[in-house]
Protein backbone atom coordinates (compact mmCIF):
# COMPACT_ATOMS: atom_id res chain seq x y z
CA MET A 1 1.03 -18.72 -3.79
CA GLY A 2 -1.89 -17.83 -2.05
CA GLY A 3 -4.43 -16.46 -4.17
CA VAL A 4 -4.74 -12.40 -3.64
CA LEU A 5 -3.69 -9.60 -0.41
CA ARG A 6 -5.60 -8.66 2.03
CA LEU A 7 -5.02 -4.98 1.64
CA HIS A 8 -7.10 -2.38 3.29
CA VAL A 9 -6.87 1.40 3.39
CA GLY A 10 -4.22 2.70 5.79
CA ASP A 11 -2.23 0.03 5.58
CA VAL A 12 1.74 1.11 5.09
CA VAL A 13 3.78 -1.59 2.81
CA ARG A 14 7.49 -1.97 2.18
CA LEU A 15 8.42 -2.49 -1.47
CA ARG A 16 11.23 -3.84 -3.31
CA LYS A 17 12.60 -0.51 -4.54
CA PRO A 18 12.94 2.18 -3.12
CA HIS A 19 11.19 5.40 -4.95
CA PRO A 20 13.63 8.31 -6.44
CA CYS A 21 13.41 10.24 -2.76
CA GLY A 22 14.96 7.25 -1.37
CA ASP A 23 11.82 5.90 1.05
CA ASP A 24 10.33 2.53 0.26
CA ARG A 25 7.50 3.10 2.59
CA TRP A 26 4.07 3.58 1.03
CA GLU A 27 0.65 4.02 2.67
CA ILE A 28 -2.63 2.35 1.00
CA LEU A 29 -5.23 5.43 0.43
CA ARG A 30 -7.67 3.94 -1.92
CA LEU A 31 -8.36 0.13 -2.98
CA GLY A 32 -9.67 -0.92 -5.94
CA ALA A 33 -8.73 -2.48 -9.61
CA ASP A 34 -5.85 0.25 -9.10
CA VAL A 35 -4.44 1.16 -5.78
CA PHE A 36 -3.60 4.57 -4.76
CA ILE A 37 -0.59 4.72 -2.55
CA ARG A 38 1.48 7.52 -1.11
CA CYS A 39 5.27 7.38 -0.48
CA LEU A 40 6.11 8.22 3.49
CA GLY A 41 9.08 10.28 2.24
CA CYS A 42 8.13 12.73 -0.49
CA GLY A 43 4.03 12.37 -0.15
CA ARG A 44 4.14 11.84 -3.98
CA ARG A 45 0.67 9.97 -4.90
CA VAL A 46 0.22 7.17 -7.53
CA PHE A 47 -2.00 4.93 -8.61
CA ILE A 48 -0.55 1.23 -9.50
CA PRO A 49 -2.41 -1.40 -10.61
CA ARG A 50 -3.32 -3.74 -7.86
CA VAL A 51 -1.53 -7.08 -9.44
CA LYS A 52 1.85 -5.19 -10.12
CA LEU A 53 2.00 -3.56 -5.99
CA GLU A 54 1.17 -7.67 -5.25
CA ARG A 55 4.20 -8.44 -6.59
CA ARG A 56 6.56 -5.86 -5.53
CA ILE A 57 5.66 -5.91 -2.05
CA LYS A 58 8.14 -6.77 0.28
CA ALA A 59 6.52 -6.87 4.01
CA PHE A 60 3.93 -4.57 5.62
CA VAL A 61 5.51 -2.54 8.15
CA HIS A 62 1.78 -1.55 9.33
CA GLN A 63 -1.36 -2.89 9.25
CA VAL A 64 -4.45 -1.64 9.97
CA GLU A 65 -6.26 -3.93 12.86
CA GLU A 66 -10.27 -4.50 12.59
CA GLY A 67 -10.99 -1.36 15.07
CA GLU A 68 -8.93 1.02 13.04
CA ARG A 69 -10.39 1.10 10.04
CA GLU A 70 -13.20 3.42 9.07
CA ALA A 71 -16.68 2.26 8.91
CA PRO A 72 -17.98 2.78 5.30
CA PRO A 73 -20.34 5.76 4.78
């Protein structure tokens, strides 16, 4: 495969398996070795190791554009 995926805060991804609430779309809230994501169906928030998340991503629903990203404080 081609290295590390480019993930950004605000991206919405579709994972391979649906959450128990039935939705499979997740918003990325925080990045690092562990990624903090929120289910768009029920609002549940979970930490998942970045490597595990990258393997589970099926597609990008929405990717944040360069102008949409928040400037660092």
